């Protein structure tokens, strides 16, 4: 079944949908099933409205808005790649905090919370700008017997980049960038992309550039969540954000039947083989994820329940935390972008 991709450029200020549309239309390995989009929309329609994914019991927090804004930035500078490489016989990186063991993104949140509660000033740009790999290793130390967090050197680089931007561009506080955006989510994304190269999540596609901006967009959504949509977290155009194309959301979309993969790709993912960054396989999965969520958004409008893409993404990601044990695995790409 051919899927019609209707693009409203006024709703795509970051040009994520526009730049990924050709990938979906020319895809050979990944397909979007329009009938399953309709069924998935019906499922989402019956769920409670998803809430911002910023759990104040897990994330590092502060009553000081300037510190909190910097902490959100630090979290999303490190928000990528938590799985173990194929072939490991140890549990993936995990962190036990207050008697509960976490892995994945939740482990990152509690590791950083643990550091702040222990007196480590993670909001301090001067400190972050000169942080060492040994210090990052200690900050993100996992439980004994579990794998180390992947891409540790890249995480140090990201924290240093954040520190420099905080000091040299934002006078020590990410709040300055947030306020300069004047309540515009895409404007804040654009500022983050200018200041922080590690957030520039793009890929070549023929003679064009595909834009995803996963971490830059989720950073803005997390600012919204951390401040409960008030004050610095108040955005008038948050609904122009697209899906945050990562591992879990396409896995859930595939579980729902919205995405289907060609047999060779199915086999690679089942065997946990690495999918190279910027490969056709990876770009088709991510572009199809962005557009599947956009089609879900359009279908929910037709059903009389307008729901922005970021909220659909939250609903799918939260559903992905309780998938059956026999669910097909997610694709694995060693990347700093998700």
Protein backbone atom coordinates (compact mmCIF):
# COMPACT_ATOMS: atom_id res chain seq x y z
CA UNK A 1 0.00 0.00 0.00
CA UNK A 2 1.47 3.35 -1.06
CA UNK A 3 1.64 5.85 1.76
CA UNK A 4 0.83 9.46 0.93
CA UNK A 5 3.21 11.86 2.64
CA UNK A 6 1.46 15.20 3.00
CA UNK A 7 3.92 17.90 4.03
CA UNK A 8 2.78 21.16 5.57
CA UNK A 9 5.94 23.29 5.43
CA UNK A 10 4.50 25.75 7.95
CA UNK A 11 4.61 22.95 10.53
CA UNK A 12 8.18 21.99 9.68
CA UNK A 13 10.39 24.97 10.58
CA UNK A 14 13.42 22.75 11.21
CA UNK A 15 12.89 20.98 7.86
CA UNK A 16 13.12 17.55 9.46
CA UNK A 17 10.04 16.25 7.64
CA UNK A 18 11.01 17.88 4.34
CA UNK A 19 14.55 16.51 4.40
CA UNK A 20 13.53 12.97 5.35
CA UNK A 21 10.56 12.71 2.98
CA UNK A 22 12.67 11.59 -0.03
CA UNK A 23 14.23 8.81 2.04
CA UNK A 24 10.80 7.40 2.90
CA UNK A 25 9.50 7.76 -0.64
CA UNK A 26 12.55 5.98 -2.08
CA UNK A 27 12.91 3.41 0.70
CA UNK A 28 13.72 -0.17 -0.30
CA UNK A 29 14.22 -1.74 3.12
CA UNK A 30 11.60 -0.16 5.39
CA UNK A 31 7.92 0.36 4.72
CA UNK A 32 5.12 2.24 6.51
CA UNK A 33 1.78 0.42 6.54
CA UNK A 34 -1.04 2.97 6.31
CA UNK A 35 -3.68 0.55 7.58
CA UNK A 36 -1.56 -0.18 10.64
CA UNK A 37 -1.14 3.57 11.14
CA UNK A 38 -4.91 3.75 11.49
CA UNK A 39 -4.99 0.85 13.95
CA UNK A 40 -2.11 2.29 15.98
CA UNK A 41 -3.87 5.65 16.10
CA UNK A 42 -6.91 3.92 17.56
CA UNK A 43 -4.70 2.35 20.25
CA UNK A 44 -3.07 5.68 21.09
CA UNK A 45 -6.47 7.35 21.13
CA UNK A 46 -7.54 4.99 23.90
CA UNK A 47 -4.50 5.65 26.10
CA UNK A 48 -4.30 8.35 28.76
CA UNK A 49 -2.66 11.53 27.52
CA UNK A 50 1.12 11.02 27.79
CA UNK A 51 2.99 13.25 30.19
CA UNK A 52 6.39 14.87 29.89
CA UNK A 53 9.11 12.29 30.35
CA UNK A 54 10.96 14.15 33.14
CA UNK A 55 10.62 12.15 36.35
CA UNK A 56 11.67 14.37 39.25
CA UNK A 57 12.32 11.26 41.33
CA UNK A 58 15.03 10.07 38.92
CA UNK A 59 16.58 13.09 37.23
CA UNK A 60 19.09 15.48 38.78
CA UNK A 61 17.10 18.47 40.05
CA UNK A 62 17.55 21.84 41.68
CA UNK A 63 15.24 24.52 43.02
CA UNK A 64 17.45 27.07 41.28
CA UNK A 65 16.08 27.53 37.72
CA UNK A 66 19.52 28.35 36.31
CA UNK A 67 21.04 25.20 37.76
CA UNK A 68 18.08 23.09 36.65
CA UNK A 69 18.33 24.38 33.07
CA UNK A 70 22.03 23.50 32.98
CA UNK A 71 21.32 20.04 34.39
CA UNK A 72 18.75 19.37 31.66
CA UNK A 73 21.35 20.35 29.09
CA UNK A 74 23.91 18.01 30.66
CA UNK A 75 21.47 15.09 30.66
CA UNK A 76 20.71 15.49 26.97
CA UNK A 77 24.34 16.02 26.05
CA UNK A 78 24.84 12.44 27.33
CA UNK A 79 21.53 10.95 26.18
CA UNK A 80 22.70 8.36 23.68
CA UNK A 81 23.71 4.70 23.27
CA UNK A 82 23.20 2.72 26.48
CA UNK A 83 23.26 -0.82 25.11
CA UNK A 84 26.12 -3.32 25.17
CA UNK A 85 27.96 -4.36 22.05
CA UNK A 86 26.87 -7.74 20.65
CA UNK A 87 28.62 -10.72 22.14
CA UNK A 88 28.97 -9.45 25.69
CA UNK A 89 28.30 -11.98 28.44
CA UNK A 90 27.78 -9.28 31.08
CA UNK A 91 24.65 -7.20 31.77
CA UNK A 92 24.54 -3.92 29.93
CA UNK A 93 25.55 -0.80 31.82
CA UNK A 94 23.33 -0.44 34.88
CA UNK A 95 23.24 1.71 38.00
CA UNK A 96 21.66 0.86 41.35
CA UNK A 97 20.24 3.87 43.16
CA UNK A 98 18.37 3.76 46.47
CA UNK A 99 17.95 0.00 46.20
CA UNK A 100 16.59 -0.08 42.64
CA UNK A 101 18.67 -1.10 39.61
CA UNK A 102 18.22 0.90 36.41
CA UNK A 103 19.58 0.52 32.91
CA UNK A 104 19.32 2.54 29.72
CA UNK A 105 18.33 6.18 29.95
CA UNK A 106 17.04 5.80 33.51
CA UNK A 107 20.52 4.68 34.58
CA UNK A 108 21.96 7.89 33.13
CA UNK A 109 19.39 9.97 35.00
CA UNK A 110 20.09 8.37 38.37
CA UNK A 111 23.87 8.37 37.85
CA UNK A 112 23.77 12.13 37.34
CA UNK A 113 21.34 12.59 40.22
CA UNK A 114 23.70 10.56 42.41
CA UNK A 115 26.56 12.86 41.47
CA UNK A 116 24.60 16.04 42.25
CA UNK A 117 23.40 14.65 45.57
CA UNK A 118 27.01 13.79 46.35
CA UNK A 119 27.99 17.44 45.93
CA UNK A 120 29.27 17.37 42.34
CA UNK A 121 28.29 20.71 40.66
CA UNK A 122 27.26 19.36 37.27
CA UNK A 123 25.74 22.72 36.37
CA UNK A 124 29.11 24.51 36.53
CA UNK A 125 30.38 25.44 33.07
CA UNK A 126 33.94 26.03 34.23
CA UNK A 127 34.10 22.54 35.73
CA UNK A 128 32.50 20.89 32.70
CA UNK A 129 34.82 22.66 30.28
CA UNK A 130 37.88 20.91 31.73
CA UNK A 131 36.38 17.62 32.89
CA UNK A 132 38.63 14.60 32.43
CA UNK A 133 37.81 11.13 31.16
CA UNK A 134 38.66 9.73 34.60
CA UNK A 135 36.09 12.07 36.16
CA UNK A 136 33.45 11.07 33.63
CA UNK A 137 34.25 7.42 34.31
CA UNK A 138 33.60 8.02 37.99
CA UNK A 139 30.41 10.01 37.36
CA UNK A 140 28.99 7.25 35.17
CA UNK A 141 30.33 4.27 37.08
CA UNK A 142 27.98 1.32 36.74
CA UNK A 143 27.33 -1.58 39.04
CA UNK A 144 30.07 -4.12 39.55
CA UNK A 145 29.88 -6.81 36.87
CA UNK A 146 27.94 -4.73 34.34
CA UNK A 147 29.39 -3.33 31.13
CA UNK A 148 30.90 0.15 31.10
CA UNK A 149 28.74 2.79 29.46
CA UNK A 150 29.58 2.91 25.72
CA UNK A 151 31.35 5.81 23.99
CA UNK A 152 32.84 7.22 27.17
CA UNK A 153 35.36 9.46 25.41
CA UNK A 154 32.58 11.03 23.34
CA UNK A 155 30.64 11.74 26.54
CA UNK A 156 33.65 13.59 27.96
CA UNK A 157 33.90 15.59 24.72
CA UNK A 158 30.22 16.51 24.91
CA UNK A 159 30.49 17.69 28.50
CA UNK A 160 33.49 19.83 27.66
CA UNK A 161 31.60 21.29 24.72
CA UNK A 162 28.68 22.14 27.00
CA UNK A 163 31.01 23.74 29.53
CA UNK A 164 32.63 25.96 26.91
CA UNK A 165 29.27 27.03 25.47
CA UNK A 166 27.91 27.81 28.94
CA UNK A 167 30.88 30.03 29.79
CA UNK A 168 31.65 31.64 26.44
CA UNK A 169 28.20 31.91 24.88
CA UNK A 170 25.56 31.88 27.60
CA UNK A 171 27.26 33.63 30.53
CA UNK A 172 27.23 30.43 32.57
CA UNK A 173 23.53 29.66 32.23
CA UNK A 174 21.52 27.83 29.58
CA UNK A 175 18.59 29.95 30.81
CA UNK A 176 20.00 32.80 28.70
CA UNK A 177 19.60 30.70 25.56
CA UNK A 178 16.11 29.60 26.61
CA UNK A 179 14.95 33.16 27.28
CA UNK A 180 16.51 34.46 24.06
CA UNK A 181 14.35 31.97 22.16
CA UNK A 182 11.27 33.86 23.44
CA UNK A 183 9.11 30.79 23.85
CA UNK A 184 9.91 29.28 20.46
CA UNK A 185 10.96 25.63 20.44
CA UNK A 186 12.51 25.69 16.93
CA UNK A 187 14.39 28.88 17.77
CA UNK A 188 15.92 27.20 20.82
CA UNK A 189 16.79 24.12 18.76
CA UNK A 190 18.54 26.37 16.24
CA UNK A 191 20.57 28.05 18.99
CA UNK A 192 21.62 24.68 20.41
CA UNK A 193 22.71 23.55 16.94
CA UNK A 194 24.77 26.71 16.47
CA UNK A 195 26.49 26.38 19.85
CA UNK A 196 26.93 22.62 20.21
CA UNK A 197 28.19 20.60 17.23
CA UNK A 198 27.46 17.31 18.99
CA UNK A 199 23.74 18.00 18.61
CA UNK A 200 23.93 18.46 14.81
CA UNK A 201 22.23 15.21 13.91
CA UNK A 202 22.28 15.22 10.12
CA UNK A 203 23.29 12.71 7.45
CA UNK A 204 24.03 12.83 3.71
CA UNK A 205 21.37 11.48 1.40
CA UNK A 206 22.47 11.69 -2.23
CA UNK A 207 23.08 15.36 -2.89
CA UNK A 208 20.92 16.36 0.07
CA UNK A 209 21.15 16.51 3.83
CA UNK A 210 18.71 14.60 6.02
CA UNK A 211 17.95 16.27 9.33
CA UNK A 212 16.84 14.42 12.45
CA UNK A 213 17.97 16.60 15.39
CA UNK A 214 16.88 13.96 17.89
CA UNK A 215 18.76 15.20 20.94
CA UNK A 216 18.32 18.89 20.16
CA UNK A 217 14.55 18.46 19.91
CA UNK A 218 14.27 16.24 22.96
CA UNK A 219 16.32 18.79 24.90
CA UNK A 220 13.64 21.40 24.27
CA UNK A 221 10.92 18.90 25.22
CA UNK A 222 12.85 18.11 28.40
CA UNK A 223 13.09 21.81 29.28
CA UNK A 224 9.30 21.86 28.89
CA UNK A 225 9.01 18.81 31.13
CA UNK A 226 11.52 19.87 33.78
CA UNK A 227 9.76 23.21 34.25
CA UNK A 228 6.26 21.71 33.89
CA UNK A 229 5.53 23.95 30.93
CA UNK A 230 5.87 27.07 33.05
CA UNK A 231 8.35 29.94 33.01
CA UNK A 232 11.41 28.79 31.05
CA UNK A 233 9.46 25.70 30.01
CA UNK A 234 6.65 27.61 28.29
CA UNK A 235 6.81 27.23 24.50
CA UNK A 236 4.11 28.46 22.12
CA UNK A 237 5.12 26.19 19.23
CA UNK A 238 6.23 22.94 20.85
CA UNK A 239 3.83 21.16 18.50
CA UNK A 240 6.20 21.83 15.56
CA UNK A 241 8.72 19.34 16.93
CA UNK A 242 8.88 16.01 15.14
CA UNK A 243 9.42 12.53 16.55
CA UNK A 244 12.73 11.92 18.31
CA UNK A 245 14.05 9.17 16.03
CA UNK A 246 15.97 6.66 18.15
CA UNK A 247 16.02 2.90 18.87
CA UNK A 248 12.91 2.30 20.96
CA UNK A 249 10.32 4.23 18.97
CA UNK A 250 10.94 2.31 15.70
CA UNK A 251 10.97 -0.92 17.70
CA UNK A 252 7.50 -0.10 19.06
CA UNK A 253 6.24 1.00 15.65
CA UNK A 254 7.44 -2.30 14.25
CA UNK A 255 5.72 -4.18 17.08
CA UNK A 256 2.50 -2.33 16.16
CA UNK A 257 2.96 -3.30 12.51
CA UNK A 258 3.34 0.31 11.40
CA UNK A 259 6.89 -0.33 10.20
CA UNK A 260 7.99 -3.45 8.36
CA UNK A 261 11.53 -4.38 7.29
CA UNK A 262 12.91 -6.38 4.41
CA UNK A 263 14.10 -9.90 5.39
CA UNK A 264 17.84 -9.14 5.25
CA UNK A 265 17.41 -6.21 7.61
CA UNK A 266 15.17 -8.29 9.88
CA UNK A 267 17.95 -10.85 10.12
CA UNK A 268 20.65 -8.30 10.90
CA UNK A 269 18.58 -6.79 13.69
CA UNK A 270 17.63 -10.19 15.09
CA UNK A 271 21.33 -11.12 15.24
CA UNK A 272 22.14 -7.77 16.90
CA UNK A 273 24.53 -6.91 14.09
CA UNK A 274 25.72 -3.33 14.04
CA UNK A 275 23.91 -1.15 11.50
CA UNK A 276 26.45 1.42 10.25
CA UNK A 277 25.71 5.11 10.86
CA UNK A 278 24.41 6.91 7.75
CA UNK A 279 23.77 3.60 5.98
CA UNK A 280 20.60 3.10 3.94
CA UNK A 281 19.31 0.77 6.66
CA UNK A 282 19.78 3.30 9.44
CA UNK A 283 18.48 6.31 7.52
CA UNK A 284 15.39 4.45 6.29
CA UNK A 285 14.57 3.30 9.82
CA UNK A 286 14.94 6.77 11.29
CA UNK A 287 13.22 8.65 8.45
CA UNK A 288 10.34 6.18 8.47
CA UNK A 289 10.04 6.65 12.23
CA UNK A 290 9.74 10.41 11.84
CA UNK A 291 7.12 10.07 9.14
CA UNK A 292 5.18 7.26 10.81
CA UNK A 293 4.69 9.52 13.84
CA UNK A 294 3.69 12.39 11.53
CA UNK A 295 1.12 10.12 9.88
CA UNK A 296 -0.16 9.10 13.32
CA UNK A 297 -0.48 12.80 14.17
CA UNK A 298 -2.49 13.42 11.01
CA UNK A 299 -4.70 10.38 11.66
CA UNK A 300 -5.40 11.49 15.24
CA UNK A 301 -6.51 14.88 13.92
CA UNK A 302 -8.95 13.09 11.61
CA UNK A 303 -10.23 11.19 14.62
CA UNK A 304 -10.87 14.40 16.52
CA UNK A 305 -8.00 13.97 19.00
CA UNK A 306 -5.22 16.35 17.96
CA UNK A 307 -1.95 15.15 19.51
CA UNK A 308 1.45 16.70 18.78
CA UNK A 309 4.26 14.51 17.50
CA UNK A 310 6.32 14.86 20.67
CA UNK A 311 3.42 13.51 22.75
CA UNK A 312 2.95 10.58 20.35
CA UNK A 313 6.68 9.92 20.65
CA UNK A 314 6.39 9.94 24.47
CA UNK A 315 3.47 7.51 24.32
CA UNK A 316 5.38 5.13 22.04
CA UNK A 317 8.59 5.38 24.08
CA UNK A 318 6.73 4.71 27.31
CA UNK A 319 5.00 1.73 25.66
CA UNK A 320 8.46 0.49 24.71
CA UNK A 321 9.43 0.16 28.36
CA UNK A 322 6.99 -2.73 28.83
CA UNK A 323 7.21 -4.69 25.60
CA UNK A 324 6.87 -8.49 25.81
CA UNK A 325 10.09 -10.43 26.30
CA UNK A 326 9.79 -12.00 22.83
CA UNK A 327 9.59 -8.62 21.04
CA UNK A 328 11.96 -8.24 18.09
CA UNK A 329 15.06 -6.32 19.23
CA UNK A 330 15.83 -2.73 18.27
CA UNK A 331 18.47 -1.89 15.69
CA UNK A 332 21.95 -1.14 16.98
CA UNK A 333 23.99 1.73 15.57
CA UNK A 334 27.06 2.99 17.38
CA UNK A 335 26.35 6.73 17.34
CA UNK A 336 26.25 9.77 19.61
CA UNK A 337 22.99 11.00 18.11
CA UNK A 338 20.57 8.62 19.87
